[in-house]
Protein backbone atom coordinates (compact mmCIF):
# COMPACT_ATOMS: atom_id res chain seq x y z
CA MET A 1 0.00 0.00 0.00
CA ILE A 2 1.02 3.61 -0.44
CA SER A 3 -0.37 6.65 1.33
CA VAL A 4 -0.68 10.28 0.32
CA GLN A 5 -2.14 13.33 1.92
CA ALA A 6 -4.96 14.62 -0.24
CA LYS A 7 -3.71 18.19 -0.13
CA ASP A 8 -0.34 17.06 -1.47
CA SER A 9 -1.91 15.38 -4.50
CA PRO A 10 -1.95 17.23 -7.84
CA LEU A 11 -5.55 16.01 -8.11
CA TYR A 12 -6.67 17.90 -5.01
CA ALA A 13 -9.26 20.58 -5.66
CA ARG A 14 -9.92 23.27 -3.08
CA THR A 15 -13.33 24.27 -4.39
CA ARG A 16 -16.00 22.68 -6.61
CA ILE A 17 -19.35 23.66 -8.01
CA ILE A 18 -21.64 20.64 -7.65
CA GLU A 19 -25.39 20.58 -7.99
CA ILE A 20 -26.81 18.83 -4.93
CA PRO A 21 -30.57 18.16 -4.90
CA ASP A 22 -32.34 20.11 -2.17
CA ALA A 23 -34.28 18.49 0.65
CA GLU A 24 -37.63 18.98 -1.08
CA ALA A 25 -36.47 17.29 -4.30
CA VAL A 26 -35.00 14.38 -2.35
CA ALA A 27 -38.14 13.93 -0.28
CA HIS A 28 -40.32 13.98 -3.38
CA ALA A 29 -38.11 11.44 -5.16
CA LEU A 30 -38.13 9.07 -2.18
CA GLN A 31 -41.91 9.22 -1.87
CA ARG A 32 -42.17 7.93 -5.43
CA ASP A 33 -40.29 4.75 -4.50
CA ALA A 34 -42.17 2.04 -2.55
CA THR A 35 -39.06 0.61 -0.90
CA ALA A 36 -37.88 4.04 0.18
CA ARG A 37 -41.27 4.84 1.66
CA ARG A 38 -41.16 1.62 3.68
CA ILE A 39 -37.67 2.33 5.01
CA LEU A 40 -38.47 5.94 5.87
CA ALA A 41 -41.55 4.80 7.79
CA LYS A 42 -39.24 3.00 10.22
CA ASN A 43 -37.79 6.39 11.19
CA ILE A 44 -34.35 4.97 12.01
CA PRO A 45 -32.19 7.71 13.58
CA LEU A 46 -28.67 8.40 12.37
CA HIS A 47 -26.05 9.57 14.83
CA ASP A 48 -22.48 10.76 14.63
CA GLY A 49 -19.90 7.98 14.68
CA MET A 50 -22.26 5.16 13.77
CA TYR A 51 -20.85 2.60 11.36
CA CYS A 52 -22.58 2.47 8.00
CA GLY A 53 -22.09 1.94 4.31
CA THR A 54 -23.36 4.17 1.56
CA ARG A 55 -24.02 3.78 -2.15
CA LEU A 56 -25.95 5.52 -4.89
CA ASN A 57 -29.57 4.34 -4.98
CA LEU A 58 -29.97 3.19 -8.57
CA ASN A 59 -33.73 2.65 -8.45
CA VAL A 60 -34.47 6.20 -7.31
CA LEU A 61 -32.01 7.64 -9.82
CA ARG A 62 -33.56 5.69 -12.71
CA SER A 63 -37.13 6.57 -11.83
CA THR A 64 -36.71 10.22 -10.79
CA GLY A 65 -33.33 11.44 -12.02
CA ILE A 66 -32.46 12.46 -8.46
CA ALA A 67 -29.16 11.15 -7.05
CA VAL A 68 -29.78 9.88 -3.52
CA ASN A 69 -27.49 7.73 -1.41
CA THR A 70 -28.80 4.81 0.63
CA VAL A 71 -27.29 4.46 4.10
CA HIS A 72 -26.82 0.78 5.01
CA ALA A 73 -26.29 -0.97 8.33
CA PRO A 74 -23.02 -2.91 8.80
CA THR A 75 -22.98 -6.61 7.91
CA ASN A 76 -19.61 -7.46 9.49
CA LYS A 77 -17.17 -6.06 12.05
CA VAL A 78 -13.85 -6.39 10.24
CA GLY A 79 -14.55 -7.58 6.70
CA TYR A 80 -15.38 -4.10 5.45
CA LYS A 81 -11.68 -3.31 5.75
CA HIS A 82 -10.97 -6.15 3.33
CA ASN A 83 -13.44 -5.53 0.49
CA LYS A 84 -16.49 -7.10 2.16
CA GLY A 85 -18.66 -4.02 1.82
CA TRP A 86 -21.94 -3.20 3.50
CA TYR A 87 -23.88 -2.47 0.29
CA ASN A 88 -26.27 -5.33 1.11
CA GLY A 89 -26.82 -4.28 4.71
CA ALA A 90 -30.30 -3.25 5.84
CA ALA A 91 -31.24 0.17 4.48
CA MET A 92 -31.57 2.68 7.31
CA SER A 93 -31.94 6.05 5.63
CA TYR A 94 -31.38 8.13 2.50
CA GLN A 95 -29.22 11.22 2.09
CA ALA A 96 -28.23 13.45 -0.79
CA VAL A 97 -24.76 13.72 0.78
CA VAL A 98 -23.05 11.32 3.17
CA VAL A 99 -19.83 12.17 5.00
CA LEU A 100 -17.71 9.40 6.51
CA ARG A 101 -14.57 9.11 8.60
CA ASN A 102 -12.09 6.23 8.17
CA ALA A 103 -13.84 4.94 5.07
CA PHE A 104 -13.03 1.86 3.01
CA CYS A 105 -13.92 1.58 -0.69
CA ASN A 106 -15.35 -1.85 -1.50
CA VAL A 107 -16.45 -3.60 -4.71
CA GLN A 108 -17.74 -7.17 -5.08
CA GLN A 109 -15.63 -8.51 -7.93
CA VAL A 110 -17.80 -11.38 -9.23
CA ALA A 111 -20.87 -9.16 -9.47
CA ARG A 112 -18.84 -6.37 -11.03
CA ASP A 113 -17.63 -8.68 -13.81
CA ARG A 114 -21.18 -9.87 -14.53
CA ILE A 115 -22.34 -6.29 -14.90
CA ALA A 116 -19.34 -5.25 -17.00
CA THR A 117 -19.85 -8.15 -19.42
CA GLY A 118 -23.60 -7.56 -19.71
CA VAL A 119 -24.57 -10.81 -18.04
CA ALA A 120 -26.37 -8.95 -15.24
CA LYS A 121 -27.98 -5.55 -14.80
CA LYS A 122 -26.57 -2.96 -12.41
CA SER A 123 -27.29 -3.80 -8.78
CA PRO A 124 -25.83 -3.02 -5.33
CA ILE A 125 -22.25 -4.30 -5.56
CA ALA A 126 -20.15 -1.47 -4.12
CA SER A 127 -20.12 0.87 -1.15
CA VAL A 128 -18.04 3.30 0.84
CA ASP A 129 -18.02 2.05 4.43
CA GLY A 130 -16.97 3.80 7.63
CA GLU A 131 -18.04 6.06 10.50
CA LEU A 132 -20.79 8.58 9.84
CA ASP A 133 -19.64 12.16 10.33
CA LEU A 134 -22.41 14.58 11.30
CA THR A 135 -20.20 17.10 13.10
CA GLY A 136 -19.49 19.78 10.56
CA PRO A 137 -20.41 21.48 7.30
CA ILE A 138 -20.45 19.47 4.11
CA ARG A 139 -17.10 19.79 2.35
CA LEU A 140 -16.56 19.19 -1.34
CA ASP A 141 -12.83 19.80 -1.49
CA GLY A 142 -10.45 16.88 -1.91
CA VAL A 143 -9.39 14.29 -4.47
CA GLU A 144 -12.23 13.04 -6.66
CA LEU A 145 -12.83 9.28 -6.73
CA ARG A 146 -15.21 7.37 -8.97
CA PHE A 147 -16.45 3.87 -9.70
CA ASN A 148 -18.25 2.67 -12.80
CA PRO A 149 -18.56 -1.14 -13.05
CA ALA A 150 -18.50 -0.98 -16.84
CA ARG A 151 -15.13 0.75 -16.70
CA GLU A 152 -13.34 0.04 -13.41
CA ARG A 153 -13.26 -2.83 -10.93
CA LEU A 154 -12.26 -0.67 -7.95
CA PHE A 155 -12.77 2.91 -6.81
CA VAL A 156 -10.12 5.01 -8.55
CA ASP A 157 -8.90 8.59 -8.65
CA LEU A 158 -8.81 10.54 -11.91
CA ASN A 159 -5.44 8.98 -12.77
CA GLY A 160 -7.01 5.54 -12.54
CA HIS A 161 -5.15 4.63 -9.35
CA PRO A 162 -7.18 2.26 -7.12
CA VAL A 163 -8.11 3.43 -3.62
CA HIS A 164 -8.42 1.28 -0.52
CA PHE A 165 -8.98 3.78 2.33
CA VAL A 166 -9.92 7.42 2.82
CA GLU A 167 -9.56 9.26 6.11
CA HIS A 168 -12.43 11.65 5.38
CA ALA A 169 -14.86 11.15 2.50
CA THR A 170 -17.85 13.03 1.14
CA VAL A 171 -20.11 10.87 -1.02
CA VAL A 172 -22.32 12.74 -3.49
CA GLY A 173 -24.12 10.92 -6.27
CA HIS A 174 -21.60 9.09 -8.45
CA ARG A 175 -18.54 10.64 -6.80
CA VAL A 176 -16.47 10.49 -3.62
CA TYR A 177 -14.34 13.44 -2.50
CA ALA A 178 -11.39 12.28 -0.40
CA ARG A 179 -9.48 14.30 2.20
CA GLY A 180 -6.77 13.58 4.74
CA THR A 181 -4.90 10.33 4.21
CA ILE A 182 -5.69 8.38 1.06
CA ARG A 183 -4.36 4.83 0.93
CA TYR A 184 -3.84 3.26 -2.50
CA TYR A 185 -3.30 -0.30 -3.64
CA GLU A 186 0.24 -0.09 -5.00
CA HIS A 187 0.52 -3.53 -6.63
CA VAL A 188 -2.08 -5.76 -8.25
CA ASP A 189 -1.45 -8.53 -5.70
CA GLU A 190 -2.47 -6.19 -2.86
CA ALA A 191 -5.92 -5.58 -4.33
CA PRO A 192 -8.94 -7.88 -4.44
CA ALA A 193 -8.35 -10.44 -7.16
CA LYS A 194 -9.81 -9.57 -10.55
CA VAL A 195 -12.61 -11.84 -11.72
CA GLY A 196 -13.31 -12.52 -15.39
CA ASN A 197 -12.05 -10.78 -18.51
CA ALA A 198 -14.10 -7.58 -18.53
CA PRO A 199 -12.18 -4.40 -19.42
CA CYS A 200 -10.72 -2.72 -16.37
CA ALA A 201 -9.36 0.84 -16.38
CA VAL A 202 -7.28 0.50 -13.22
CA ILE A 203 -3.62 1.56 -13.09
CA PHE A 204 -1.54 0.36 -10.15
CA PRO A 205 1.10 2.88 -9.11
CA SER A 206 4.67 1.70 -9.64
CA SER A 207 7.09 1.24 -6.77
CA THR A 208 8.95 4.32 -8.01
CA THR A 209 5.96 6.58 -7.51
CA PRO A 210 7.06 9.22 -4.95
CA HIS A 211 4.44 8.36 -2.34
CA GLN A 212 5.00 7.45 1.27
CA LYS A 213 4.75 3.70 1.79
CA THR A 214 2.65 2.26 4.56
CA ALA A 215 2.16 -1.18 6.03
């Protein structure tokens, strides 16, 4: 693994202009989805520091055009640090923006290959998992990360370098904005094993990359 500080990365952006749906638009979109209405009726409270996973809700996006993130309950205590994400955990809430501390970027590789090869439709296969941060204003600075199963098999930055861990992450729609320490998979054998032959736009940094190494 290699680690960088987001502010030291040439990809770091101090400011961004991003259109975030307002509370009224989000509420209206969720009321149009039967599953979302059922989950919201449970009125599950979110609190600072709780462990959760988050992912873009594809059903709501397809039916309304509004990007909303589902907040999932944990499904394991340690596995989320080793690519066993919480994307299939019980849905607890929905947010236009989710901020996490000590977040791990996880993708189920078998399911990703099936989607990338057209064998299966898009479904919950990836999540950003960590500790919910409700303490401060929403920040959109940082290094942009993305994941598209048709293109990548892991979360990557704009150079295509695969990311394992983010100290502080803001999740908005299709993107993650990473701050603090970012930990990258340096070599292919450090990352979750690739499944299948689907195209994969992931570039593993070389050992000569001037990053600080970490255990």
